[in-house]
Structure formats: structure tokens, C-alpha cells
C-alpha atoms as a PDB file:
ATOM      1  CA  UNK A   1     -32.365  28.424  -0.269  1.00  0.00           C
ATOM      2  CA  UNK A   2     -34.622  25.953   1.501  1.00  0.00           C
ATOM      3  CA  UNK A   3     -35.278  22.451   0.229  1.00  0.00           C
ATOM      4  CA  UNK A   4     -38.931  23.241  -0.485  1.00  0.00           C
ATOM      5  CA  UNK A   5     -38.067  26.161  -2.739  1.00  0.00           C
ATOM      6  CA  UNK A   6     -35.371  24.156  -4.491  1.00  0.00           C
ATOM      7  CA  UNK A   7     -37.780  21.283  -5.129  1.00  0.00           C
ATOM      8  CA  UNK A   8     -40.396  23.663  -6.540  1.00  0.00           C
ATOM      9  CA  UNK A   9     -37.795  25.187  -8.873  1.00  0.00           C
ATOM     10  CA  UNK A  10     -36.735  21.730 -10.029  1.00  0.00           C
ATOM     11  CA  UNK A  11     -40.351  20.688 -10.657  1.00  0.00           C
ATOM     12  CA  UNK A  12     -41.182  23.871 -12.598  1.00  0.00           C
ATOM     13  CA  UNK A  13     -37.952  23.612 -14.556  1.00  0.00           C
ATOM     14  CA  UNK A  14     -38.687  19.994 -15.431  1.00  0.00           C
ATOM     15  CA  UNK A  15     -42.232  20.902 -16.467  1.00  0.00           C
ATOM     16  CA  UNK A  16     -41.076  23.720 -18.754  1.00  0.00           C
ATOM     17  CA  UNK A  17     -38.332  21.511 -20.179  1.00  0.00           C
ATOM     18  CA  UNK A  18     -40.858  18.802 -21.053  1.00  0.00           C
ATOM     19  CA  UNK A  19     -43.237  21.357 -22.603  1.00  0.00           C
ATOM     20  CA  UNK A  20     -40.356  22.721 -24.694  1.00  0.00           C
ATOM     21  CA  UNK A  21     -39.497  19.198 -25.851  1.00  0.00           C
ATOM     22  CA  UNK A  22     -43.126  18.547 -26.813  1.00  0.00           C
ATOM     23  CA  UNK A  23     -43.433  21.807 -28.754  1.00  0.00           C
ATOM     24  CA  UNK A  24     -40.117  21.186 -30.514  1.00  0.00           C
ATOM     25  CA  UNK A  25     -41.035  17.578 -31.334  1.00  0.00           C
ATOM     26  CA  UNK A  26     -44.425  18.699 -32.676  1.00  0.00           C
ATOM     27  CA  UNK A  27     -42.809  21.377 -34.839  1.00  0.00           C
ATOM     28  CA  UNK A  28     -40.140  18.967 -36.098  1.00  0.00           C
ATOM     29  CA  UNK A  29     -42.586  16.189 -37.059  1.00  0.00           C
ATOM     30  CA  UNK A  30     -44.847  18.655 -38.902  1.00  0.00           C
ATOM     31  CA  UNK A  31     -42.045  20.432 -40.764  1.00  0.00           C
ATOM     32  CA  UNK A  32     -40.009  17.360 -41.749  1.00  0.00           C
ATOM     33  CA  UNK A  33     -41.440  14.103 -42.939  1.00  0.00           C
ATOM     34  CA  UNK A  34     -39.629  11.559 -40.745  1.00  0.00           C
ATOM     35  CA  UNK A  35     -40.063   7.955 -39.691  1.00  0.00           C
ATOM     36  CA  UNK A  36     -39.943   9.026 -36.027  1.00  0.00           C
ATOM     37  CA  UNK A  37     -43.300  10.125 -34.669  1.00  0.00           C
ATOM     38  CA  UNK A  38     -44.060  12.809 -32.107  1.00  0.00           C
ATOM     39  CA  UNK A  39     -45.000  10.140 -29.571  1.00  0.00           C
ATOM     40  CA  UNK A  40     -41.670   8.331 -29.980  1.00  0.00           C
ATOM     41  CA  UNK A  41     -39.675  11.525 -29.460  1.00  0.00           C
ATOM     42  CA  UNK A  42     -41.620  12.489 -26.335  1.00  0.00           C
ATOM     43  CA  UNK A  43     -41.441   8.965 -24.870  1.00  0.00           C
ATOM     44  CA  UNK A  44     -37.687   8.858 -25.485  1.00  0.00           C
ATOM     45  CA  UNK A  45     -37.159  12.067 -23.511  1.00  0.00           C
ATOM     46  CA  UNK A  46     -39.506  10.919 -20.717  1.00  0.00           C
ATOM     47  CA  UNK A  47     -37.550   7.655 -20.467  1.00  0.00           C
ATOM     48  CA  UNK A  48     -34.278   9.583 -20.486  1.00  0.00           C
ATOM     49  CA  UNK A  49     -35.413  11.883 -17.667  1.00  0.00           C
ATOM     50  CA  UNK A  50     -36.829   9.070 -15.545  1.00  0.00           C
ATOM     51  CA  UNK A  51     -33.669   7.037 -16.119  1.00  0.00           C
ATOM     52  CA  UNK A  52     -31.631  10.011 -14.921  1.00  0.00           C
ATOM     53  CA  UNK A  53     -33.766  10.333 -11.792  1.00  0.00           C
ATOM     54  CA  UNK A  54     -33.459   6.604 -11.106  1.00  0.00           C
ATOM     55  CA  UNK A  55     -29.667   6.794 -11.433  1.00  0.00           C
ATOM     56  CA  UNK A  56     -29.534   9.878  -9.193  1.00  0.00           C
ATOM     57  CA  UNK A  57     -31.626   8.188  -6.495  1.00  0.00           C
ATOM     58  CA  UNK A  58     -29.469   5.044  -6.653  1.00  0.00           C
ATOM     59  CA  UNK A  59     -26.359   7.183  -6.200  1.00  0.00           C
ATOM     60  CA  UNK A  60     -27.651   8.974  -3.095  1.00  0.00           C
ATOM     61  CA  UNK A  61     -29.295   5.945  -1.556  1.00  0.00           C
ATOM     62  CA  UNK A  62     -26.233   4.635   0.250  1.00  0.00           C
ATOM     63  CA  UNK A  63     -27.408   4.017   3.756  1.00  0.00           C
ATOM     64  CA  UNK A  64     -26.527   6.039   6.806  1.00  0.00           C
ATOM     65  CA  UNK A  65     -25.292   2.921   8.569  1.00  0.00           C
ATOM     66  CA  UNK A  66     -22.809   2.141   5.797  1.00  0.00           C
ATOM     67  CA  UNK A  67     -21.496   5.688   5.968  1.00  0.00           C
ATOM     68  CA  UNK A  68     -21.046   5.449   9.735  1.00  0.00           C
ATOM     69  CA  UNK A  69     -19.329   2.059   9.532  1.00  0.00           C
ATOM     70  CA  UNK A  70     -16.971   3.051   6.722  1.00  0.00           C
ATOM     71  CA  UNK A  71     -16.202   6.679   7.507  1.00  0.00           C
ATOM     72  CA  UNK A  72     -16.542   7.416  11.234  1.00  0.00           C
ATOM     73  CA  UNK A  73     -13.735   6.978  13.748  1.00  0.00           C
ATOM     74  CA  UNK A  74     -14.465   8.051  17.318  1.00  0.00           C
ATOM     75  CA  UNK A  75     -12.433   8.713  20.432  1.00  0.00           C
ATOM     76  CA  UNK A  76     -14.802  11.112  22.115  1.00  0.00           C
ATOM     77  CA  UNK A  77     -16.822  11.846  25.207  1.00  0.00           C
ATOM     78  CA  UNK A  78     -20.612  12.003  25.147  1.00  0.00           C
ATOM     79  CA  UNK A  79     -21.644  15.532  26.154  1.00  0.00           C
ATOM     80  CA  UNK A  80     -25.354  15.314  25.395  1.00  0.00           C
ATOM     81  CA  UNK A  81     -28.209  12.992  24.523  1.00  0.00           C
ATOM     82  CA  UNK A  82     -30.990  14.692  22.599  1.00  0.00           C
ATOM     83  CA  UNK A  83     -34.185  13.821  20.798  1.00  0.00           C
ATOM     84  CA  UNK A  84     -33.755  14.149  17.069  1.00  0.00           C
ATOM     85  CA  UNK A  85     -35.709  17.201  15.887  1.00  0.00           C
ATOM     86  CA  UNK A  86     -37.466  15.461  12.984  1.00  0.00           C
ATOM     87  CA  UNK A  87     -37.766  12.017  14.569  1.00  0.00           C
ATOM     88  CA  UNK A  88     -39.584  12.433  17.859  1.00  0.00           C
ATOM     89  CA  UNK A  89     -39.020   8.876  19.132  1.00  0.00           C
ATOM     90  CA  UNK A  90     -35.303   8.700  18.408  1.00  0.00           C
ATOM     91  CA  UNK A  91     -32.283  10.070  20.235  1.00  0.00           C
ATOM     92  CA  UNK A  92     -28.855  11.114  19.111  1.00  0.00           C
ATOM     93  CA  UNK A  93     -25.539  11.347  20.934  1.00  0.00           C
ATOM     94  CA  UNK A  94     -23.606  14.601  20.802  1.00  0.00           C
ATOM     95  CA  UNK A  95     -19.852  14.438  21.304  1.00  0.00           C
ATOM     96  CA  UNK A  96     -17.252  16.854  22.634  1.00  0.00           C
ATOM     97  CA  UNK A  97     -16.049  17.651  19.113  1.00  0.00           C
ATOM     98  CA  UNK A  98     -19.542  18.790  18.048  1.00  0.00           C
ATOM     99  CA  UNK A  99     -20.489  15.733  15.999  1.00  0.00           C
ATOM    100  CA  UNK A 100     -23.748  13.890  16.571  1.00  0.00           C
ATOM    101  CA  UNK A 101     -24.682  10.318  15.669  1.00  0.00           C
ATOM    102  CA  UNK A 102     -27.896   8.321  16.017  1.00  0.00           C
ATOM    103  CA  UNK A 103     -28.146   6.431  19.277  1.00  0.00           C
ATOM    104  CA  UNK A 104     -29.197   2.757  19.040  1.00  0.00           C
ATOM    105  CA  UNK A 105     -32.074   1.802  21.326  1.00  0.00           C
ATOM    106  CA  UNK A 106     -29.875  -0.661  23.259  1.00  0.00           C
ATOM    107  CA  UNK A 107     -27.795   2.279  24.491  1.00  0.00           C
ATOM    108  CA  UNK A 108     -30.717   4.263  25.926  1.00  0.00           C
ATOM    109  CA  UNK A 109     -30.432   3.169  29.550  1.00  0.00           C
ATOM    110  CA  UNK A 110     -26.711   2.542  29.561  1.00  0.00           C
ATOM    111  CA  UNK A 111     -24.969   5.508  27.924  1.00  0.00           C
ATOM    112  CA  UNK A 112     -24.767   8.608  30.094  1.00  0.00           C
ATOM    113  CA  UNK A 113     -23.266  12.025  29.678  1.00  0.00           C
ATOM    114  CA  UNK A 114     -19.538  11.825  30.369  1.00  0.00           C
ATOM    115  CA  UNK A 115     -19.060   8.301  29.008  1.00  0.00           C
ATOM    116  CA  UNK A 116     -16.275   7.716  26.503  1.00  0.00           C
ATOM    117  CA  UNK A 117     -17.068   6.260  23.096  1.00  0.00           C
ATOM    118  CA  UNK A 118     -14.599   4.596  20.738  1.00  0.00           C
ATOM    119  CA  UNK A 119     -14.962   3.330  17.195  1.00  0.00           C
ATOM    120  CA  UNK A 120     -12.433   2.587  14.447  1.00  0.00           C
ATOM    121  CA  UNK A 121     -13.164   3.124  10.763  1.00  0.00           C
ATOM    122  CA  UNK A 122     -14.604  -0.052   9.314  1.00  0.00           C
ATOM    123  CA  UNK A 123     -15.796  -1.445  12.664  1.00  0.00           C
ATOM    124  CA  UNK A 124     -19.519  -2.049  12.976  1.00  0.00           C
ATOM    125  CA  UNK A 125     -19.641  -1.543  16.746  1.00  0.00           C
ATOM    126  CA  UNK A 126     -19.172   1.208  19.310  1.00  0.00           C
ATOM    127  CA  UNK A 127     -17.190   0.625  22.513  1.00  0.00           C
ATOM    128  CA  UNK A 128     -18.643   2.609  25.405  1.00  0.00           C
ATOM    129  CA  UNK A 129     -16.612   3.091  28.599  1.00  0.00           C
ATOM    130  CA  UNK A 130     -18.664   4.150  31.616  1.00  0.00           C
ATOM    131  CA  UNK A 131     -17.246   7.278  33.225  1.00  0.00           C
ATOM    132  CA  UNK A 132     -17.886   6.054  36.787  1.00  0.00           C
ATOM    133  CA  UNK A 133     -17.260   2.292  36.764  1.00  0.00           C
ATOM    134  CA  UNK A 134     -14.788   2.216  33.828  1.00  0.00           C
ATOM    135  CA  UNK A 135     -16.669  -0.841  32.515  1.00  0.00           C
ATOM    136  CA  UNK A 136     -16.775  -1.169  28.719  1.00  0.00           C
ATOM    137  CA  UNK A 137     -19.691  -2.357  26.579  1.00  0.00           C
ATOM    138  CA  UNK A 138     -19.870  -3.010  22.843  1.00  0.00           C
ATOM    139  CA  UNK A 139     -22.925  -2.014  20.811  1.00  0.00           C
ATOM    140  CA  UNK A 140     -23.590  -2.688  17.137  1.00  0.00           C
ATOM    141  CA  UNK A 141     -23.916   0.345  14.881  1.00  0.00           C
ATOM    142  CA  UNK A 142     -27.591   0.839  14.137  1.00  0.00           C
ATOM    143  CA  UNK A 143     -29.534   3.700  12.660  1.00  0.00           C
ATOM    144  CA  UNK A 144     -33.125   4.697  13.135  1.00  0.00           C
ATOM    145  CA  UNK A 145     -35.729   3.343  10.752  1.00  0.00           C
ATOM    146  CA  UNK A 146     -39.475   3.765  10.555  1.00  0.00           C
ATOM    147  CA  UNK A 147     -41.902   1.255   9.154  1.00  0.00           C
ATOM    148  CA  UNK A 148     -45.447   2.607   8.802  1.00  0.00           C
ATOM    149  CA  UNK A 149     -44.498   5.590  11.012  1.00  0.00           C
ATOM    150  CA  UNK A 150     -43.626   3.417  14.026  1.00  0.00           C
ATOM    151  CA  UNK A 151     -40.098   3.471  15.460  1.00  0.00           C
ATOM    152  CA  UNK A 152     -38.065   0.275  15.120  1.00  0.00           C
END
């Protein structure tokens, strides 16, 4: 299932859930004489849903750079340099094991196909060894960002 269809299902489900809450709250406040009003019940559920969304977004908002620094260890050879399909101005490095990582702009003129790349877990830099000269360079781990649709 594509992301668009999933998002539409989530939105419709959320809409029908909220309508069901409103109908139930209206029925409950009319049938039983309570100190809690219809408005208070509906606002409580809206706050609960928005709080859940906020928590969900905070959980998935760990940055790509942090994930690369903490989780990625490399001892590979660069087999390709490609434009990222959804980010026209950015490039990514493809390695001999099939993985691909974003390529910092500082690497653009230096890294070539056939170069070796090394990185230990927890390090915030790549070590690139040129395949011809055997000279090594260190580059900080950076990921692509856009501010007002311009590449950084």
C-alpha cells in the first residue's frame, strides 16, 4: 500500500472516529444529567488525539545524521554516485554491499568510484582512501537539508 493511500485511510479513520465521539458525547449528555458538558468531552478527545500525534512525531523525528553516526559502520568501496530521486540537487554514494548514504557536498569533487570508505560506529566522520593515490581524507558526516527549497 502506498503512503498516499495509507494517509487517506488514516485521515478518514480519524474523521469517523471524531464524529463517533461527538455523537456519543451528544447522546450521553442528553440522556444523563452530568456536570461534564458536550464541549468538554469533545475537547478532551481532541487534546488526547493531538497529544498522541505530537508524541508520535517526536518519536520519529530523530535525525538522519544521528542515525548514521550511531548505527553505521563502513568498510566498503564506492561503486556509484547518484542523484537522489526525490532531491534533485543532492547526491548519494552507493557501496559494494548495496547500501547508500547521503554524500556531503565537500565530497563531490573528491570521492570517485572505486574509492574506499571507512567509518566506525559512533564516529562523526568518514575516512575516504583514494583508489589511485592511496591518500586518505576525513569528512564530517552531514546530511542534506533544504531551507525554503534551496539546497544547503
